[in-house]
C-alpha cells in the first residue's frame, strides 16, 4: 500500500464566486425590514393618551398605575438581555434592533389592551 502525500496527487481547485458570496451577505442584511419608528411613536402616543385620560377622569386604578411601572421596568430588563444576547451571539449590528423590538412589542401589547375599540355584542331591547 502506497500513500502519496504530494500536493499534485489530488488537485483541488476552488471557484470563488463573489456574486454568490455577496448575494448571501446582502440577503442576510435584508432579512428584516427596518424598524418603523413612525408606527411605534403613534402607538406610544395612543398608550400615553389613554392612560392620561384615565388619570384625568379618575378611572386609573392603583393596579393600572403599578402595572405601568412594572411594565417599564420589565421592558428595560428584557431589552438589555436581548441586546446582550445579540452581542454574545456575534451579531453586534443587530443589537439595537433587538433592543428596539422589545419596546415595540411592549407598546403594541399595551395599545391593544387599553384600546376601547373592542367587539361589543349588540344588546337587544
Protein backbone atom coordinates (compact mmCIF):
# COMPACT_ATOMS: atom_id res chain seq x y z
CA UNK A 1 0.00 0.00 0.00
CA UNK A 2 1.48 3.27 -1.12
CA UNK A 3 0.25 6.57 0.26
CA UNK A 4 1.19 9.64 -1.65
CA UNK A 5 1.42 12.89 0.25
CA UNK A 6 2.36 15.11 -2.61
CA UNK A 7 0.23 18.08 -3.45
CA UNK A 8 -0.06 17.04 -7.08
CA UNK A 9 -1.74 13.75 -6.18
CA UNK A 10 -5.15 15.35 -5.60
CA UNK A 11 -5.54 18.58 -7.47
CA UNK A 12 -8.15 20.73 -5.77
CA UNK A 13 -9.49 23.92 -7.17
CA UNK A 14 -11.89 26.26 -5.50
CA UNK A 15 -14.00 28.57 -7.54
CA UNK A 16 -14.58 31.81 -5.79
CA UNK A 17 -17.96 33.15 -6.71
CA UNK A 18 -18.06 36.71 -5.41
CA UNK A 19 -21.53 37.29 -6.78
CA UNK A 20 -22.87 34.38 -4.75
CA UNK A 21 -20.98 35.41 -1.62
CA UNK A 22 -22.16 38.99 -1.81
CA UNK A 23 -25.67 37.80 -2.59
CA UNK A 24 -25.77 35.74 0.60
CA UNK A 25 -24.34 38.61 2.59
CA UNK A 26 -26.89 41.12 1.33
CA UNK A 27 -29.72 38.61 1.65
CA UNK A 28 -28.87 38.28 5.33
CA UNK A 29 -28.91 42.04 5.73
CA UNK A 30 -32.30 42.33 4.01
CA UNK A 31 -33.93 39.63 6.10
CA UNK A 32 -35.80 42.03 8.34
CA UNK A 33 -37.36 45.30 7.39
CA UNK A 34 -36.10 48.41 9.13
CA UNK A 35 -37.93 49.43 12.30
CA UNK A 36 -40.96 51.61 11.77
CA UNK A 37 -40.39 54.47 14.18
CA UNK A 38 -43.49 56.31 12.98
CA UNK A 39 -45.80 53.44 13.84
CA UNK A 40 -44.02 52.99 17.17
CA UNK A 41 -44.42 56.67 18.07
CA UNK A 42 -48.13 56.63 17.19
CA UNK A 43 -48.71 53.53 19.31
CA UNK A 44 -46.78 55.09 22.23
CA UNK A 45 -48.81 58.28 21.86
CA UNK A 46 -52.05 56.26 21.99
CA UNK A 47 -50.96 54.45 25.16
CA UNK A 48 -49.89 57.68 26.86
CA UNK A 49 -53.10 59.47 25.85
CA UNK A 50 -55.27 56.61 27.07
CA UNK A 51 -53.53 56.45 30.42
CA UNK A 52 -53.64 60.24 30.80
CA UNK A 53 -57.36 60.29 30.09
CA UNK A 54 -57.87 57.52 32.65
CA UNK A 55 -55.90 59.53 35.22
CA UNK A 56 -57.76 62.78 34.49
CA UNK A 57 -61.19 61.17 34.71
CA UNK A 58 -60.26 59.34 37.90
CA UNK A 59 -60.67 55.88 36.37
CA UNK A 60 -56.99 54.98 36.67
CA UNK A 61 -56.80 52.24 39.27
CA UNK A 62 -53.87 51.58 41.55
CA UNK A 63 -53.41 48.26 39.76
CA UNK A 64 -53.00 50.00 36.40
CA UNK A 65 -50.57 52.52 37.90
CA UNK A 66 -48.43 49.72 39.34
CA UNK A 67 -48.67 47.86 36.06
CA UNK A 68 -47.30 50.88 34.19
CA UNK A 69 -44.19 50.99 36.37
CA UNK A 70 -43.65 47.23 36.33
CA UNK A 71 -44.04 47.03 32.54
CA UNK A 72 -41.44 49.73 32.04
CA UNK A 73 -39.04 48.03 34.41
CA UNK A 74 -39.59 44.64 32.80
CA UNK A 75 -39.20 46.05 29.28
CA UNK A 76 -35.89 47.68 30.24
CA UNK A 77 -34.53 44.41 31.62
CA UNK A 78 -35.74 42.41 28.61
CA UNK A 79 -34.24 44.95 26.22
CA UNK A 80 -30.88 44.75 27.97
CA UNK A 81 -30.95 40.96 27.81
CA UNK A 82 -31.91 40.96 24.12
CA UNK A 83 -29.11 43.40 23.33
CA UNK A 84 -26.59 41.36 25.30
CA UNK A 85 -27.70 38.11 23.59
CA UNK A 86 -27.26 39.66 20.16
CA UNK A 87 -23.75 40.83 21.04
CA UNK A 88 -22.78 37.49 22.57
CA UNK A 89 -24.13 35.60 19.56
CA UNK A 90 -21.70 37.51 17.37
CA UNK A 91 -24.24 39.83 15.80
CA UNK A 92 -23.45 43.26 17.25
CA UNK A 93 -25.06 45.02 14.30
CA UNK A 94 -28.46 43.56 15.22
CA UNK A 95 -28.24 44.54 18.90
CA UNK A 96 -30.03 47.91 18.52
CA UNK A 97 -32.80 46.22 16.56
CA UNK A 98 -33.25 43.58 19.27
CA UNK A 99 -33.37 46.36 21.87
CA UNK A 100 -36.00 48.27 19.90
CA UNK A 101 -38.13 45.16 19.24
CA UNK A 102 -38.66 44.60 22.96
CA UNK A 103 -40.07 48.09 23.44
CA UNK A 104 -42.12 47.86 20.24
CA UNK A 105 -43.79 44.65 21.43
CA UNK A 106 -44.48 46.13 24.88
CA UNK A 107 -46.06 49.27 23.45
CA UNK A 108 -48.15 47.29 20.95
CA UNK A 109 -49.49 44.96 23.63
CA UNK A 110 -50.38 47.94 25.84
CA UNK A 111 -52.09 49.68 22.94
CA UNK A 112 -54.19 46.59 22.19
CA UNK A 113 -55.03 46.08 25.84
CA UNK A 114 -56.02 49.69 26.52
CA UNK A 115 -57.86 50.16 23.25
CA UNK A 116 -61.56 50.83 23.56
CA UNK A 117 -62.23 49.53 20.06
CA UNK A 118 -63.33 46.07 21.07
CA UNK A 119 -66.05 43.95 19.59
CA UNK A 120 -69.23 44.52 21.51
CA UNK A 121 -72.30 42.44 21.18
CA UNK A 122 -75.41 44.32 20.32
CA UNK A 123 -77.86 44.34 23.16
CA UNK A 124 -81.41 43.56 22.27
CA UNK A 125 -84.08 45.75 23.83
